[in-house]
Structure formats: structure tokens, C-alpha cells
């Protein structure tokens, strides 16, 4: 073990960082499990449904902005919701290139029974930090992700599997470690 590695392991801040990340991940994971148990959708799917509530039909880009994710990430979730009949996707009347997403009556009914989205707690907590602290946190987390070599591509929504993969990397079944066929 190098001296730098030993220093990091002995630093109380290292444990505090790991503990904080564990708390955030646990909170989000538990919320996702509660959401699945209560209404049968993941926390990411619930977050998207809640962002559609009370809104006119939204484009995928508008929905991505409301969920603070990339268009490709929210598109994966919207596809799952559409297959379940909870949202509809249709071409916009004024621009056939734009796809608009809207809640169905089944989606509205599900929201009436649904718990609050955990992402809303996270966003509210970030708001309490204030802009300067959020800016520092974003820079520090970005540096951490880069140092881990984990920042390639767009991040999927919490606890949703990404559909894209790097060339040469085997795709893996989301509920097992078995590779998927190409």
C-alpha cells in the first residue's frame, strides 16, 4: 500500500464521504423499493410520472429538463411507462419531429396512490445548501467521478438500467450477471 493510499484510509473525511454517499444511495434505493411495492413502478418511473402531472403534454426534452436528466435517459423511462399504458407518446401537432408525452387516465390513477418521489427530497435538500455549496459539490463530485473513470456517457436515472453500452462491452441482463446477446 502506498503512503497516499494509507493516508486516504486513515483520513476521517474519507469515511465521512463514503458514509454520506451510502446514506443517499440507501435512501433512494429504499424509496424505489417502496414505490415498486406500493404502485408497481420504479422511483425513476414515478419521478417522471409526477413531473407530467398537471402539465400539458411535454416533449421528451422538456421532460428531461424537469427531471434534471439527459433526454436519452428519460426516453428509456418513458418507453417503459408507455408499454404499461401509463403515458402516451404522440407527434406534436405543430412539429412532427417532436414527440410529446402525456399521462393516461391509468397514469393519473397510479399517481393518486403513489408515495412522494425520493428525488424530490434530494432536490429539496440541494436547494437548502444554496448555490455556492451546490456549485462546490457539483465540482467535487464531478472530480470524484472522473477520478473513478466512471463518467463516460449520460447517467441513467436512479436505479434504471442504461440501454446503451460501449462498443466491445457485453450488455448484461438487468436482474442477473448473464450477458445479453448482441
N, C-alpha and C. Protein backbone atom coordinates (compact mmCIF):
# COMPACT_ATOMS: atom_id res chain seq x y z
N UNK A 1 0.85 -1.18 0.00
CA UNK A 1 0.00 0.00 0.00
C UNK A 1 0.90 1.24 0.00
N UNK A 2 0.54 2.17 -0.85
CA UNK A 2 1.32 3.40 -0.94
C UNK A 2 1.00 4.31 0.25
N UNK A 3 1.87 5.27 0.46
CA UNK A 3 1.65 6.22 1.55
C UNK A 3 0.38 7.04 1.31
N UNK A 4 0.13 7.38 0.04
CA UNK A 4 -1.08 8.15 -0.28
C UNK A 4 -2.34 7.33 0.02
N UNK A 5 -2.32 6.04 -0.33
CA UNK A 5 -3.47 5.17 -0.06
C UNK A 5 -3.69 5.02 1.44
N UNK A 6 -2.62 4.86 2.20
CA UNK A 6 -2.73 4.73 3.65
C UNK A 6 -3.28 6.02 4.26
N UNK A 7 -2.84 7.17 3.72
CA UNK A 7 -3.33 8.46 4.21
C UNK A 7 -4.84 8.60 3.99
N UNK A 8 -5.30 8.20 2.80
CA UNK A 8 -6.73 8.28 2.49
C UNK A 8 -7.54 7.39 3.42
N UNK A 9 -7.04 6.19 3.67
CA UNK A 9 -7.76 5.27 4.55
C UNK A 9 -7.78 5.75 6.00
N UNK A 10 -6.76 6.47 6.42
CA UNK A 10 -6.69 6.96 7.80
C UNK A 10 -7.44 8.27 7.98
N UNK A 11 -7.79 8.93 6.89
CA UNK A 11 -8.46 10.24 6.95
C UNK A 11 -9.93 10.05 7.30
N UNK A 12 -10.38 10.70 8.37
CA UNK A 12 -11.78 10.61 8.78
C UNK A 12 -12.72 11.13 7.70
N UNK A 13 -12.26 12.07 6.92
CA UNK A 13 -13.10 12.64 5.86
C UNK A 13 -13.44 11.58 4.82
N UNK A 14 -12.53 10.64 4.57
CA UNK A 14 -12.81 9.57 3.60
C UNK A 14 -14.02 8.76 4.05
N UNK A 15 -14.01 8.37 5.31
CA UNK A 15 -15.16 7.61 5.83
C UNK A 15 -16.43 8.45 5.80
N UNK A 16 -16.32 9.72 6.15
CA UNK A 16 -17.49 10.60 6.14
C UNK A 16 -18.08 10.71 4.74
N UNK A 17 -17.22 10.82 3.74
CA UNK A 17 -17.70 10.89 2.35
C UNK A 17 -18.40 9.59 1.98
N UNK A 18 -17.76 8.46 2.25
CA UNK A 18 -18.37 7.17 1.92
C UNK A 18 -19.69 6.97 2.67
N UNK A 19 -19.72 7.33 3.94
CA UNK A 19 -20.96 7.20 4.71
C UNK A 19 -22.07 8.08 4.12
N UNK A 20 -21.74 9.28 3.72
CA UNK A 20 -22.74 10.18 3.14
C UNK A 20 -23.27 9.61 1.83
N UNK A 21 -22.39 9.11 0.99
CA UNK A 21 -22.83 8.50 -0.28
C UNK A 21 -23.71 7.29 0.02
N UNK A 22 -23.31 6.48 1.00
CA UNK A 22 -24.13 5.31 1.37
C UNK A 22 -25.53 5.73 1.83
N UNK A 23 -25.62 6.78 2.62
CA UNK A 23 -26.93 7.25 3.10
C UNK A 23 -27.81 7.72 1.94
N UNK A 24 -27.24 8.46 1.01
CA UNK A 24 -28.02 8.95 -0.13
C UNK A 24 -28.49 7.76 -0.98
N UNK A 25 -27.58 6.84 -1.29
CA UNK A 25 -27.94 5.69 -2.12
C UNK A 25 -28.99 4.83 -1.42
N UNK A 26 -28.81 4.60 -0.11
CA UNK A 26 -29.78 3.79 0.63
C UNK A 26 -31.16 4.45 0.63
N UNK A 27 -31.21 5.75 0.85
CA UNK A 27 -32.48 6.47 0.85
C UNK A 27 -33.18 6.33 -0.49
N UNK A 28 -32.43 6.51 -1.56
CA UNK A 28 -33.02 6.40 -2.90
C UNK A 28 -33.43 4.96 -3.21
N UNK A 29 -32.61 3.99 -2.83
CA UNK A 29 -32.94 2.58 -3.08
C UNK A 29 -34.19 2.17 -2.31
N UNK A 30 -34.27 2.57 -1.03
CA UNK A 30 -35.45 2.22 -0.23
C UNK A 30 -36.71 2.87 -0.79
N UNK A 31 -36.59 4.10 -1.26
CA UNK A 31 -37.73 4.77 -1.87
C UNK A 31 -38.16 4.05 -3.14
N UNK A 32 -37.20 3.58 -3.91
CA UNK A 32 -37.53 2.85 -5.13
C UNK A 32 -38.27 1.55 -4.78
N UNK A 33 -37.81 0.86 -3.76
CA UNK A 33 -38.49 -0.37 -3.32
C UNK A 33 -39.90 -0.08 -2.84
N UNK A 34 -40.06 1.00 -2.07
CA UNK A 34 -41.40 1.37 -1.59
C UNK A 34 -42.33 1.71 -2.75
N UNK A 35 -41.79 2.41 -3.71
CA UNK A 35 -42.57 2.78 -4.89
C UNK A 35 -43.01 1.54 -5.65
N UNK A 36 -42.07 0.62 -5.85
CA UNK A 36 -42.41 -0.62 -6.56
C UNK A 36 -43.46 -1.42 -5.80
N UNK A 37 -43.32 -1.48 -4.48
CA UNK A 37 -44.28 -2.24 -3.67
C UNK A 37 -45.65 -1.56 -3.66
N UNK A 38 -45.68 -0.24 -3.58
CA UNK A 38 -46.94 0.48 -3.47
C UNK A 38 -47.70 0.56 -4.78
N UNK A 39 -47.00 0.86 -5.87
CA UNK A 39 -47.72 1.11 -7.13
C UNK A 39 -47.12 0.37 -8.33
N UNK A 40 -46.07 -0.41 -8.12
CA UNK A 40 -45.54 -1.23 -9.20
C UNK A 40 -44.65 -0.52 -10.22
N UNK A 41 -44.16 0.67 -9.88
CA UNK A 41 -43.22 1.36 -10.77
C UNK A 41 -41.98 1.74 -9.98
N UNK A 42 -40.86 1.87 -10.68
CA UNK A 42 -39.62 2.26 -10.02
C UNK A 42 -39.69 3.72 -9.60
N UNK A 43 -38.75 4.12 -8.77
CA UNK A 43 -38.69 5.51 -8.34
C UNK A 43 -38.45 6.44 -9.52
N UNK A 44 -37.65 6.03 -10.47
CA UNK A 44 -37.40 6.86 -11.66
C UNK A 44 -38.69 7.01 -12.47
N UNK A 45 -39.43 5.93 -12.62
CA UNK A 45 -40.70 5.99 -13.36
C UNK A 45 -41.70 6.88 -12.63
N UNK A 46 -41.76 6.76 -11.31
CA UNK A 46 -42.65 7.61 -10.51
C UNK A 46 -42.26 9.08 -10.65
N UNK A 47 -40.97 9.36 -10.62
CA UNK A 47 -40.48 10.74 -10.76
C UNK A 47 -40.92 11.33 -12.10
N UNK A 48 -40.83 10.55 -13.17
CA UNK A 48 -41.26 11.03 -14.48
C UNK A 48 -42.77 11.26 -14.49
N UNK A 49 -43.53 10.31 -13.96
CA UNK A 49 -44.99 10.47 -13.90
C UNK A 49 -45.37 11.73 -13.12
N UNK A 50 -44.70 11.96 -12.00
CA UNK A 50 -45.02 13.13 -11.19
C UNK A 50 -44.66 14.42 -11.91
N UNK A 51 -43.65 14.42 -12.74
CA UNK A 51 -43.29 15.61 -13.50
C UNK A 51 -44.30 15.88 -14.61
N UNK A 52 -45.00 14.85 -15.05
CA UNK A 52 -46.04 15.02 -16.07
C UNK A 52 -47.36 15.48 -15.47
N UNK A 53 -47.55 15.23 -14.19
CA UNK A 53 -48.82 15.56 -13.53
C UNK A 53 -49.09 17.05 -13.61
N UNK A 54 -50.30 17.39 -13.99
CA UNK A 54 -50.71 18.78 -14.05
C UNK A 54 -50.15 19.55 -15.22
N UNK A 55 -49.38 18.88 -16.05
CA UNK A 55 -48.79 19.57 -17.20
C UNK A 55 -49.53 19.16 -18.47
N UNK A 56 -49.47 20.04 -19.42
CA UNK A 56 -49.93 19.63 -20.75
C UNK A 56 -48.94 18.58 -21.23
N UNK A 57 -49.11 18.05 -22.39
CA UNK A 57 -48.14 17.11 -22.93
C UNK A 57 -46.78 17.80 -23.03
N UNK A 58 -45.73 17.09 -22.65
CA UNK A 58 -44.38 17.63 -22.68
C UNK A 58 -43.53 16.90 -23.71
N UNK A 59 -42.65 17.61 -24.35
CA UNK A 59 -41.70 16.95 -25.24
C UNK A 59 -40.72 16.17 -24.36
N UNK A 60 -40.02 15.22 -24.97
CA UNK A 60 -39.03 14.45 -24.22
C UNK A 60 -37.95 15.39 -23.68
N UNK A 61 -37.56 16.39 -24.45
CA UNK A 61 -36.55 17.34 -23.97
C UNK A 61 -37.07 18.15 -22.79
N UNK A 62 -38.33 18.58 -22.83
CA UNK A 62 -38.91 19.32 -21.70
C UNK A 62 -38.97 18.42 -20.46
N UNK A 63 -39.33 17.17 -20.66
CA UNK A 63 -39.39 16.22 -19.56
C UNK A 63 -38.00 15.96 -18.99
N UNK A 64 -37.00 15.87 -19.85
CA UNK A 64 -35.62 15.71 -19.38
C UNK A 64 -35.21 16.89 -18.52
N UNK A 65 -35.58 18.10 -18.93
CA UNK A 65 -35.25 19.28 -18.14
C UNK A 65 -35.95 19.23 -16.78
N UNK A 66 -37.20 18.80 -16.75
CA UNK A 66 -37.95 18.74 -15.48
C UNK A 66 -37.45 17.64 -14.55
N UNK A 67 -36.80 16.61 -15.12
CA UNK A 67 -36.26 15.53 -14.29
C UNK A 67 -34.76 15.68 -14.07
N UNK A 68 -34.19 16.73 -14.60
CA UNK A 68 -32.75 17.01 -14.44
C UNK A 68 -31.89 15.86 -14.96
N UNK A 69 -32.31 15.28 -16.08
CA UNK A 69 -31.56 14.19 -16.70
C UNK A 69 -31.38 14.47 -18.19
N UNK A 70 -30.65 13.60 -18.84
CA UNK A 70 -30.44 13.71 -20.28
C UNK A 70 -31.66 13.13 -21.00
N UNK A 71 -31.91 13.64 -22.17
CA UNK A 71 -33.05 13.20 -22.99
C UNK A 71 -33.02 11.69 -23.20
N UNK A 72 -31.86 11.11 -23.44
CA UNK A 72 -31.80 9.67 -23.69
C UNK A 72 -32.16 8.87 -22.45
N UNK A 73 -31.81 9.38 -21.27
CA UNK A 73 -32.14 8.68 -20.03
C UNK A 73 -33.63 8.71 -19.75
N UNK A 74 -34.26 9.88 -19.92
CA UNK A 74 -35.70 9.97 -19.67
C UNK A 74 -36.47 9.20 -20.73
N UNK A 75 -35.95 9.13 -21.93
CA UNK A 75 -36.61 8.40 -23.01
C UNK A 75 -36.74 6.91 -22.68
N UNK A 76 -35.73 6.35 -22.04
CA UNK A 76 -35.77 4.94 -21.63
C UNK A 76 -36.93 4.72 -20.66
N UNK A 77 -37.07 5.62 -19.70
CA UNK A 77 -38.13 5.50 -18.69
C UNK A 77 -39.50 5.70 -19.34
N UNK A 78 -39.60 6.68 -20.23
CA UNK A 78 -40.87 6.94 -20.92
C UNK A 78 -41.30 5.70 -21.72
N UNK A 79 -40.37 5.03 -22.36
CA UNK A 79 -40.70 3.81 -23.12
C UNK A 79 -41.31 2.75 -22.22
N UNK A 80 -40.75 2.58 -21.03
CA UNK A 80 -41.29 1.60 -20.09
C UNK A 80 -42.69 2.00 -19.63
N UNK A 81 -42.88 3.27 -19.38
CA UNK A 81 -44.20 3.75 -18.95
C UNK A 81 -45.22 3.62 -20.06
N UNK A 82 -44.82 3.86 -21.29
CA UNK A 82 -45.74 3.74 -22.43
C UNK A 82 -46.15 2.27 -22.62
N UNK A 83 -45.20 1.35 -22.47
CA UNK A 83 -45.54 -0.08 -22.61
C UNK A 83 -46.56 -0.50 -21.57
N UNK A 84 -46.56 0.13 -20.41
CA UNK A 84 -47.51 -0.19 -19.34
C UNK A 84 -48.81 0.59 -19.45
N UNK A 85 -48.91 1.48 -20.45
CA UNK A 85 -50.14 2.24 -20.64
C UNK A 85 -50.30 3.40 -19.68
N UNK A 86 -49.21 3.85 -19.06
CA UNK A 86 -49.29 4.93 -18.08
C UNK A 86 -49.06 6.30 -18.72
N UNK A 87 -48.44 6.31 -19.89
CA UNK A 87 -48.25 7.55 -20.66
C UNK A 87 -48.50 7.25 -22.13
N UNK A 88 -48.77 8.31 -22.87
CA UNK A 88 -48.86 8.19 -24.32
C UNK A 88 -47.74 9.01 -24.93
N UNK A 89 -47.33 8.60 -26.11
CA UNK A 89 -46.37 9.37 -26.89
C UNK A 89 -47.02 9.65 -28.23
N UNK A 90 -46.96 10.90 -28.65
CA UNK A 90 -47.56 11.28 -29.93
C UNK A 90 -46.74 12.41 -30.54
N UNK A 91 -46.78 12.49 -31.86
CA UNK A 91 -46.12 13.59 -32.57
C UNK A 91 -46.86 14.89 -32.25
N UNK A 92 -46.10 15.95 -32.07
CA UNK A 92 -46.69 17.26 -31.80
C UNK A 92 -47.44 17.74 -33.03
N UNK A 93 -48.56 18.40 -32.80
CA UNK A 93 -49.36 18.93 -33.90
C UNK A 93 -48.59 19.97 -34.71
N UNK A 94 -47.81 20.79 -34.00
CA UNK A 94 -47.12 21.89 -34.67
C UNK A 94 -45.73 21.54 -35.19
N UNK A 95 -45.19 20.36 -34.80
CA UNK A 95 -43.85 19.97 -35.24
C UNK A 95 -43.75 18.45 -35.19
N UNK A 96 -43.85 17.81 -36.33
CA UNK A 96 -43.88 16.35 -36.40
C UNK A 96 -42.58 15.71 -35.93
N UNK A 97 -41.51 16.50 -35.81
CA UNK A 97 -40.24 15.95 -35.32
C UNK A 97 -40.24 15.77 -33.82
N UNK A 98 -41.14 16.49 -33.13
CA UNK A 98 -41.17 16.47 -31.67
C UNK A 98 -42.19 15.45 -31.17
N UNK A 99 -41.74 14.61 -30.25
CA UNK A 99 -42.63 13.64 -29.61
C UNK A 99 -43.07 14.23 -28.28
N UNK A 100 -44.38 14.21 -28.04
CA UNK A 100 -44.92 14.71 -26.78
C UNK A 100 -45.41 13.54 -25.93
N UNK A 101 -45.19 13.66 -24.64
CA UNK A 101 -45.55 12.62 -23.67
C UNK A 101 -46.63 13.19 -22.75
N UNK A 102 -47.65 12.38 -22.50
CA UNK A 102 -48.74 12.81 -21.61
C UNK A 102 -49.19 11.65 -20.75
N UNK A 103 -49.71 11.97 -19.58
CA UNK A 103 -50.28 10.94 -18.70
C UNK A 103 -51.55 10.38 -19.30
N UNK A 104 -51.78 9.10 -19.10
CA UNK A 104 -53.06 8.48 -19.44
C UNK A 104 -53.92 8.49 -18.17
N UNK A 105 -55.20 8.17 -18.30
CA UNK A 105 -56.02 8.03 -17.08
C UNK A 105 -55.42 7.00 -16.11
N UNK A 106 -54.85 5.92 -16.63
CA UNK A 106 -54.22 4.92 -15.76
C UNK A 106 -53.02 5.53 -15.03
N UNK A 107 -52.26 6.37 -15.71
CA UNK A 107 -51.12 7.04 -15.08
C UNK A 107 -51.58 7.99 -13.98
N UNK A 108 -52.66 8.73 -14.24
CA UNK A 108 -53.21 9.64 -13.22
C UNK A 108 -53.71 8.85 -12.00
N UNK A 109 -54.36 7.73 -12.26
CA UNK A 109 -54.85 6.89 -11.17
C UNK A 109 -53.72 6.34 -10.32
N UNK A 110 -52.65 5.93 -10.97
CA UNK A 110 -51.49 5.43 -10.24
C UNK A 110 -50.92 6.53 -9.34
N UNK A 111 -50.83 7.75 -9.86
CA UNK A 111 -50.28 8.85 -9.07
C UNK A 111 -51.11 9.16 -7.83
N UNK A 112 -52.40 8.92 -7.89
CA UNK A 112 -53.26 9.16 -6.73
C UNK A 112 -52.89 8.25 -5.56
N UNK A 113 -52.36 7.07 -5.86
CA UNK A 113 -51.98 6.09 -4.83
C UNK A 113 -50.50 6.11 -4.49
N UNK A 114 -49.71 6.87 -5.22
CA UNK A 114 -48.25 6.78 -5.16
C UNK A 114 -47.66 7.59 -4.00
N UNK A 115 -46.54 7.09 -3.46
CA UNK A 115 -45.80 7.88 -2.47
C UNK A 115 -45.07 9.03 -3.16
N UNK A 116 -44.51 9.93 -2.39
CA UNK A 116 -43.71 11.01 -2.95
C UNK A 116 -42.43 10.44 -3.55
N UNK A 117 -41.91 11.08 -4.56
CA UNK A 117 -40.66 10.64 -5.20
C UNK A 117 -39.47 11.05 -4.33
N UNK A 118 -38.56 10.12 -4.10
CA UNK A 118 -37.38 10.39 -3.28
C UNK A 118 -36.49 11.46 -3.91
N UNK A 119 -36.51 11.54 -5.22
CA UNK A 119 -35.69 12.55 -5.89
C UNK A 119 -36.11 13.95 -5.46
N UNK A 120 -37.38 14.12 -5.13
CA UNK A 120 -37.84 15.43 -4.66
C UNK A 120 -37.19 15.79 -3.32
N UNK A 121 -36.98 14.81 -2.45
CA UNK A 121 -36.27 15.06 -1.19
C UNK A 121 -34.84 15.47 -1.46
N UNK A 122 -34.21 14.81 -2.41
CA UNK A 122 -32.83 15.12 -2.76
C UNK A 122 -32.73 16.54 -3.34
N UNK A 123 -33.64 16.89 -4.22
CA UNK A 123 -33.64 18.22 -4.83
C UNK A 123 -33.91 19.29 -3.77
N UNK A 124 -34.84 19.02 -2.86
CA UNK A 124 -35.14 19.97 -1.79
C UNK A 124 -33.92 20.16 -0.88
N UNK A 125 -33.22 19.09 -0.58
CA UNK A 125 -32.02 19.19 0.25
C UNK A 125 -30.93 19.98 -0.47
N UNK A 126 -30.79 19.78 -1.77
CA UNK A 126 -29.81 20.55 -2.53
C UNK A 126 -30.17 22.03 -2.54
N UNK A 127 -31.45 22.34 -2.58
CA UNK A 127 -31.89 23.74 -2.54
C UNK A 127 -31.49 24.38 -1.21
N UNK A 128 -31.57 23.62 -0.13
CA UNK A 128 -31.20 24.15 1.18
C UNK A 128 -29.72 24.48 1.28
N UNK A 129 -28.90 23.80 0.49
CA UNK A 129 -27.46 24.06 0.52
C UNK A 129 -27.10 25.44 -0.01
N UNK A 130 -27.89 25.94 -0.93
CA UNK A 130 -27.58 27.22 -1.56
C UNK A 130 -26.69 27.02 -2.78
N UNK A 131 -26.72 28.01 -3.65
CA UNK A 131 -25.99 27.92 -4.93
C UNK A 131 -24.48 27.72 -4.77
N UNK A 132 -23.78 28.48 -3.90
CA UNK A 132 -22.33 28.28 -3.80
C UNK A 132 -21.96 26.86 -3.35
N UNK A 133 -22.68 26.33 -2.37
CA UNK A 133 -22.39 24.97 -1.90
C UNK A 133 -22.72 23.94 -2.98
N UNK A 134 -23.83 24.14 -3.72
CA UNK A 134 -24.17 23.22 -4.81
C UNK A 134 -23.09 23.25 -5.88
N UNK A 135 -22.58 24.43 -6.19
CA UNK A 135 -21.54 24.56 -7.20
C UNK A 135 -20.28 23.82 -6.77
N UNK A 136 -19.88 23.98 -5.50
CA UNK A 136 -18.70 23.26 -4.98
C UNK A 136 -18.95 21.75 -5.00
N UNK A 137 -20.14 21.34 -4.56
CA UNK A 137 -20.47 19.92 -4.53
C UNK A 137 -20.45 19.33 -5.93
N UNK A 138 -21.01 20.04 -6.89
CA UNK A 138 -21.01 19.56 -8.27
C UNK A 138 -19.59 19.40 -8.79
N UNK A 139 -18.73 20.36 -8.51
CA UNK A 139 -17.33 20.27 -8.96
C UNK A 139 -16.62 19.11 -8.28
N UNK A 140 -16.82 18.97 -6.97
CA UNK A 140 -16.15 17.90 -6.24
C UNK A 140 -16.64 16.52 -6.66
N UNK A 141 -17.96 16.36 -6.83
CA UNK A 141 -18.49 15.07 -7.28
C UNK A 141 -18.04 14.78 -8.70
N UNK A 142 -18.01 15.80 -9.55
CA UNK A 142 -17.52 15.61 -10.91
C UNK A 142 -16.08 15.14 -10.92
N UNK A 143 -15.24 15.73 -10.06
CA UNK A 143 -13.84 15.31 -9.96
C UNK A 143 -13.75 13.87 -9.45
N UNK A 144 -14.60 13.51 -8.49
CA UNK A 144 -14.61 12.14 -7.95
C UNK A 144 -14.99 11.14 -9.05
N UNK A 145 -16.05 11.45 -9.80
CA UNK A 145 -16.50 10.57 -10.88
C UNK A 145 -15.40 10.43 -11.93
N UNK A 146 -14.75 11.54 -12.28
CA UNK A 146 -13.66 11.49 -13.26
C UNK A 146 -12.49 10.66 -12.75
N UNK A 147 -12.13 10.82 -11.47
CA UNK A 147 -11.03 10.06 -10.89
C UNK A 147 -11.33 8.56 -10.86
N UNK A 148 -12.62 8.23 -10.73
CA UNK A 148 -13.03 6.82 -10.74
C UNK A 148 -13.11 6.27 -12.16
N UNK A 149 -13.07 7.16 -13.16
CA UNK A 149 -13.23 6.72 -14.54
C UNK A 149 -14.65 6.29 -14.83
N UNK A 150 -15.60 6.87 -14.10
CA UNK A 150 -16.99 6.43 -14.20
C UNK A 150 -17.88 7.42 -14.95
N UNK A 151 -17.33 8.45 -15.53
CA UNK A 151 -18.15 9.50 -16.10
C UNK A 151 -18.38 9.40 -17.59
N UNK A 152 -18.28 8.22 -18.17
CA UNK A 152 -18.49 8.11 -19.62
C UNK A 152 -19.97 7.98 -19.94
N UNK A 153 -20.42 8.74 -20.90
CA UNK A 153 -21.82 8.68 -21.32
C UNK A 153 -22.74 9.42 -20.37
N UNK A 154 -24.03 9.35 -20.66
CA UNK A 154 -25.04 10.00 -19.85
C UNK A 154 -25.46 9.07 -18.72
N UNK A 155 -25.63 9.64 -17.56
CA UNK A 155 -26.04 8.84 -16.40
C UNK A 155 -27.51 8.47 -16.53
N UNK A 156 -27.84 7.20 -16.29
CA UNK A 156 -29.26 6.83 -16.31
C UNK A 156 -29.95 7.42 -15.08
N UNK A 157 -31.26 7.41 -15.09
CA UNK A 157 -31.99 7.85 -13.91
C UNK A 157 -31.72 6.86 -12.78
N UNK A 158 -31.92 7.28 -11.54
CA UNK A 158 -31.63 6.41 -10.40
C UNK A 158 -32.31 5.05 -10.53
N UNK A 159 -31.51 4.01 -10.40
CA UNK A 159 -31.94 2.61 -10.38
C UNK A 159 -32.65 2.16 -11.65
N UNK A 160 -32.39 2.86 -12.74
CA UNK A 160 -32.83 2.41 -14.06
C UNK A 160 -31.58 1.96 -14.80
N UNK A 161 -31.68 0.89 -15.52
CA UNK A 161 -30.52 0.41 -16.26
C UNK A 161 -30.38 1.19 -17.55
N UNK A 162 -29.16 1.50 -17.90
CA UNK A 162 -28.89 2.20 -19.15
C UNK A 162 -29.06 1.22 -20.30
N UNK A 163 -29.56 1.70 -21.43
CA UNK A 163 -29.75 0.82 -22.57
C UNK A 163 -28.56 0.84 -23.51
N UNK A 164 -27.78 1.90 -23.48
CA UNK A 164 -26.62 1.95 -24.36
C UNK A 164 -25.42 1.35 -23.65
N UNK A 165 -24.49 0.92 -24.42
CA UNK A 165 -23.27 0.36 -23.86
C UNK A 165 -22.12 0.69 -24.79
N UNK A 166 -20.93 0.67 -24.21
CA UNK A 166 -19.76 0.97 -25.02
C UNK A 166 -19.47 -0.18 -25.97
N UNK A 167 -18.96 0.16 -27.14
CA UNK A 167 -18.63 -0.85 -28.13
C UNK A 167 -17.62 -1.82 -27.52
N UNK A 168 -17.87 -3.10 -27.70
CA UNK A 168 -16.98 -4.12 -27.18
C UNK A 168 -17.35 -4.58 -25.78
N UNK A 169 -18.18 -3.84 -25.08
CA UNK A 169 -18.61 -4.23 -23.73
C UNK A 169 -19.86 -5.08 -23.85
N UNK A 170 -19.89 -6.23 -23.19
CA UNK A 170 -21.10 -7.05 -23.26
C UNK A 170 -22.23 -6.39 -22.50
N UNK A 171 -23.44 -6.46 -23.06
CA UNK A 171 -24.61 -6.00 -22.34
C UNK A 171 -24.98 -7.07 -21.35
N UNK A 172 -25.46 -6.67 -20.19
CA UNK A 172 -25.76 -7.62 -19.13
C UNK A 172 -27.23 -7.53 -18.79
N UNK A 173 -27.86 -8.70 -18.57
CA UNK A 173 -29.25 -8.75 -18.15
C UNK A 173 -29.40 -7.97 -16.86
N UNK A 174 -30.42 -7.09 -16.72
CA UNK A 174 -30.53 -6.23 -15.55
C UNK A 174 -30.75 -6.95 -14.22
N UNK A 175 -31.27 -8.17 -14.24
CA UNK A 175 -31.53 -8.86 -12.98
C UNK A 175 -30.60 -10.06 -12.76
N UNK A 176 -29.58 -10.17 -13.58
CA UNK A 176 -28.60 -11.23 -13.38
C UNK A 176 -27.28 -10.75 -13.94
N UNK A 177 -26.28 -11.59 -13.88
CA UNK A 177 -24.98 -11.21 -14.44
C UNK A 177 -24.76 -11.87 -15.80
N UNK A 178 -25.84 -12.44 -16.38
CA UNK A 178 -25.71 -13.11 -17.67
C UNK A 178 -25.62 -12.08 -18.80
N UNK A 179 -24.64 -12.26 -19.71
CA UNK A 179 -24.59 -11.35 -20.85
C UNK A 179 -25.79 -11.53 -21.76
N UNK A 180 -26.24 -10.42 -22.36
CA UNK A 180 -27.32 -10.46 -23.34
C UNK A 180 -26.73 -10.68 -24.72
N UNK A 181 -27.47 -11.28 -25.63
CA UNK A 181 -26.95 -11.43 -26.99
C UNK A 181 -26.85 -10.05 -27.65
N UNK A 182 -25.90 -9.91 -28.61
CA UNK A 182 -25.74 -8.61 -29.28
C UNK A 182 -26.95 -8.21 -30.09
